[in-house]
């Protein structure tokens, strides 16, 4: 869900506090706690993203306030992570994404060479994961020869 369509009242899309009143003004800055609740992230994660330059909240004293633009950047981070990109890679392209690109269309907004490289990277990981799963399943069924016992511990003679 994009920042422009997200209801800031609560995660479920109900109005603020469930009182039946109007939802909060979407332009109103959010506290770090409110943002963490909306996106189901920890405060530590949001602070980490800020330290990495992915989020740039306004500050009043030590209090952080997140705008709709910060929410959009956070949604790009979340989408980028779901596509398997590292935070460094996300940081590299986060500012180049046009404001008109929806979060759902983010992958299509990336250059084809980046998409191709990411597909290759994910397929390589899938191969590694498939092999690990097969090895673990074989160890459960006993179809494979037993794994050799570990080498005996090295005894060090400290008297020399």
Protein backbone atom coordinates (compact mmCIF):
# COMPACT_ATOMS: atom_id res chain seq x y z
CA UNK A 1 0.00 0.00 0.00
CA UNK A 2 1.44 3.38 -0.91
CA UNK A 3 1.91 6.22 1.54
CA UNK A 4 -0.70 8.24 -0.29
CA UNK A 5 -3.33 5.54 0.19
CA UNK A 6 -2.28 4.35 3.64
CA UNK A 7 -4.59 5.37 6.44
CA UNK A 8 -2.41 6.71 9.21
CA UNK A 9 -5.06 5.97 11.83
CA UNK A 10 -3.92 2.38 12.26
CA UNK A 11 -2.46 -0.51 10.34
CA UNK A 12 -5.80 -2.14 9.57
CA UNK A 13 -7.07 0.93 7.77
CA UNK A 14 -9.63 1.78 10.44
CA UNK A 15 -9.89 5.35 11.57
CA UNK A 16 -7.73 6.64 14.37
CA UNK A 17 -8.53 4.94 17.63
CA UNK A 18 -11.54 3.15 16.19
CA UNK A 19 -13.86 5.90 17.40
CA UNK A 20 -15.75 6.24 14.13
CA UNK A 21 -14.34 9.73 13.53
CA UNK A 22 -12.33 10.97 10.58
CA UNK A 23 -8.86 9.48 10.02
CA UNK A 24 -5.88 11.57 10.93
CA UNK A 25 -4.67 14.10 8.36
CA UNK A 26 -2.27 12.21 6.08
CA UNK A 27 -0.03 15.26 5.86
CA UNK A 28 0.45 15.34 9.61
CA UNK A 29 3.96 14.15 10.56
CA UNK A 30 4.13 10.84 12.39
CA UNK A 31 6.17 9.96 15.45
CA UNK A 32 8.64 7.10 15.22
CA UNK A 33 6.34 4.94 17.36
CA UNK A 34 3.36 5.55 15.09
CA UNK A 35 5.43 4.84 11.98
CA UNK A 36 6.80 1.65 13.53
CA UNK A 37 3.26 0.50 14.31
CA UNK A 38 1.93 1.31 10.84
CA UNK A 39 4.70 -0.59 9.06
CA UNK A 40 5.16 -3.28 11.71
CA UNK A 41 8.84 -2.43 12.18
CA UNK A 42 10.90 -1.97 15.29
CA UNK A 43 12.08 1.44 16.46
CA UNK A 44 15.62 0.13 16.12
CA UNK A 45 15.01 -0.73 12.45
CA UNK A 46 13.73 2.78 11.71
CA UNK A 47 16.72 4.34 13.49
CA UNK A 48 19.04 2.03 11.54
CA UNK A 49 17.44 3.10 8.25
CA UNK A 50 17.93 6.71 9.30
CA UNK A 51 21.60 6.06 10.12
CA UNK A 52 22.05 4.50 6.66
CA UNK A 53 20.50 7.60 5.01
CA UNK A 54 17.39 5.79 3.82
CA UNK A 55 15.07 7.92 5.93
CA UNK A 56 15.44 11.61 6.74
CA UNK A 57 12.92 12.52 9.41
CA UNK A 58 12.55 16.06 10.63
CA UNK A 59 13.66 16.58 14.21
CA UNK A 60 12.52 18.74 17.02
CA UNK A 61 15.02 18.20 19.76
CA UNK A 62 15.52 14.45 19.92
CA UNK A 63 12.03 13.67 18.58
CA UNK A 64 11.73 12.39 15.02
CA UNK A 65 8.79 13.29 12.80
CA UNK A 66 8.09 11.40 9.57
CA UNK A 67 6.29 12.98 6.62
CA UNK A 68 4.42 11.33 3.72
CA UNK A 69 7.69 11.53 1.75
CA UNK A 70 9.46 9.57 4.51
CA UNK A 71 6.67 6.97 4.35
CA UNK A 72 7.15 6.65 0.61
CA UNK A 73 10.90 6.20 1.05
CA UNK A 74 10.24 3.56 3.71
CA UNK A 75 7.85 1.74 1.39
CA UNK A 76 10.55 1.74 -1.30
CA UNK A 77 12.99 0.26 1.22
CA UNK A 78 10.50 -2.44 2.18
CA UNK A 79 9.70 -3.24 -1.46
CA UNK A 80 13.41 -3.26 -2.37
CA UNK A 81 14.14 -5.68 0.45
CA UNK A 82 11.27 -7.92 -0.68
CA UNK A 83 12.90 -8.00 -4.14
CA UNK A 84 16.16 -9.14 -2.52
CA UNK A 85 18.17 -5.94 -2.85
CA UNK A 86 20.67 -4.92 -0.19
CA UNK A 87 20.20 -1.67 1.71
CA UNK A 88 23.21 -0.24 -0.14
CA UNK A 89 21.59 -1.05 -3.49
CA UNK A 90 18.28 0.41 -2.31
CA UNK A 91 20.05 3.56 -1.15
CA UNK A 92 21.67 3.88 -4.59
CA UNK A 93 18.37 3.93 -6.46
CA UNK A 94 15.94 5.35 -3.90
CA UNK A 95 16.52 8.98 -4.91
CA UNK A 96 16.33 8.20 -8.62
CA UNK A 97 12.79 6.82 -8.41
CA UNK A 98 10.27 9.34 -9.63
CA UNK A 99 7.52 10.34 -7.20
CA UNK A 100 4.95 9.30 -9.80
CA UNK A 101 6.08 5.64 -9.77
CA UNK A 102 3.84 3.53 -7.58
CA UNK A 103 5.41 1.13 -5.12
CA UNK A 104 3.80 -1.76 -7.03
CA UNK A 105 5.55 -0.58 -10.24
CA UNK A 106 8.92 -0.04 -8.55
CA UNK A 107 10.52 -3.12 -10.12
CA UNK A 108 9.47 -1.95 -13.59
CA UNK A 109 11.08 1.45 -12.96
CA UNK A 110 14.51 -0.14 -12.46
CA UNK A 111 16.96 -0.33 -15.37
CA UNK A 112 16.78 -3.70 -17.19
CA UNK A 113 20.41 -4.54 -16.40
CA UNK A 114 19.75 -4.16 -12.66
CA UNK A 115 16.66 -6.36 -12.91
CA UNK A 116 18.59 -9.02 -14.87
CA UNK A 117 21.45 -8.98 -12.37
CA UNK A 118 19.04 -9.31 -9.45
CA UNK A 119 17.23 -12.22 -11.11
CA UNK A 120 20.57 -13.99 -11.62
CA UNK A 121 21.54 -13.31 -8.00
CA UNK A 122 18.23 -14.65 -6.65
CA UNK A 123 18.36 -17.73 -8.90
CA UNK A 124 21.87 -18.52 -7.62
CA UNK A 125 20.61 -18.29 -4.05
CA UNK A 126 17.63 -20.46 -4.91
CA UNK A 127 20.02 -23.13 -6.21
CA UNK A 128 22.01 -23.00 -2.98
CA UNK A 129 18.84 -23.18 -0.89
CA UNK A 130 17.45 -26.09 -2.95
CA UNK A 131 20.72 -28.01 -2.44
CA UNK A 132 20.71 -27.34 1.31
CA UNK A 133 17.08 -28.46 1.58
CA UNK A 134 17.81 -31.65 -0.37
CA UNK A 135 20.79 -32.42 1.88
CA UNK A 136 18.71 -31.89 5.02
CA UNK A 137 15.82 -33.99 3.69
CA UNK A 138 18.23 -36.81 2.83
CA UNK A 139 19.59 -36.75 6.37
CA UNK A 140 16.02 -37.21 7.69
CA UNK A 141 15.20 -40.14 5.44
CA UNK A 142 18.57 -41.83 5.80
CA UNK A 143 18.88 -42.33 2.04
CA UNK A 144 22.39 -40.95 2.07
CA UNK A 145 25.44 -42.59 3.62
CA UNK A 146 25.89 -41.48 7.21
CA UNK A 147 27.91 -38.35 7.74
CA UNK A 148 31.41 -39.12 8.94
CA UNK A 149 31.92 -38.49 12.61
CA UNK A 150 33.90 -35.37 13.42
CA UNK A 151 37.63 -35.63 13.87
CA UNK A 152 38.74 -36.33 17.42
CA UNK A 153 39.61 -33.23 19.44
CA UNK A 154 43.14 -31.98 19.12
CA UNK A 155 45.06 -32.60 22.33
CA UNK A 156 47.61 -29.92 23.07
CA UNK A 157 50.49 -30.80 25.35
CA UNK A 158 51.04 -27.63 27.34
CA UNK A 159 54.02 -29.05 29.23
CA UNK A 160 56.42 -28.41 26.37
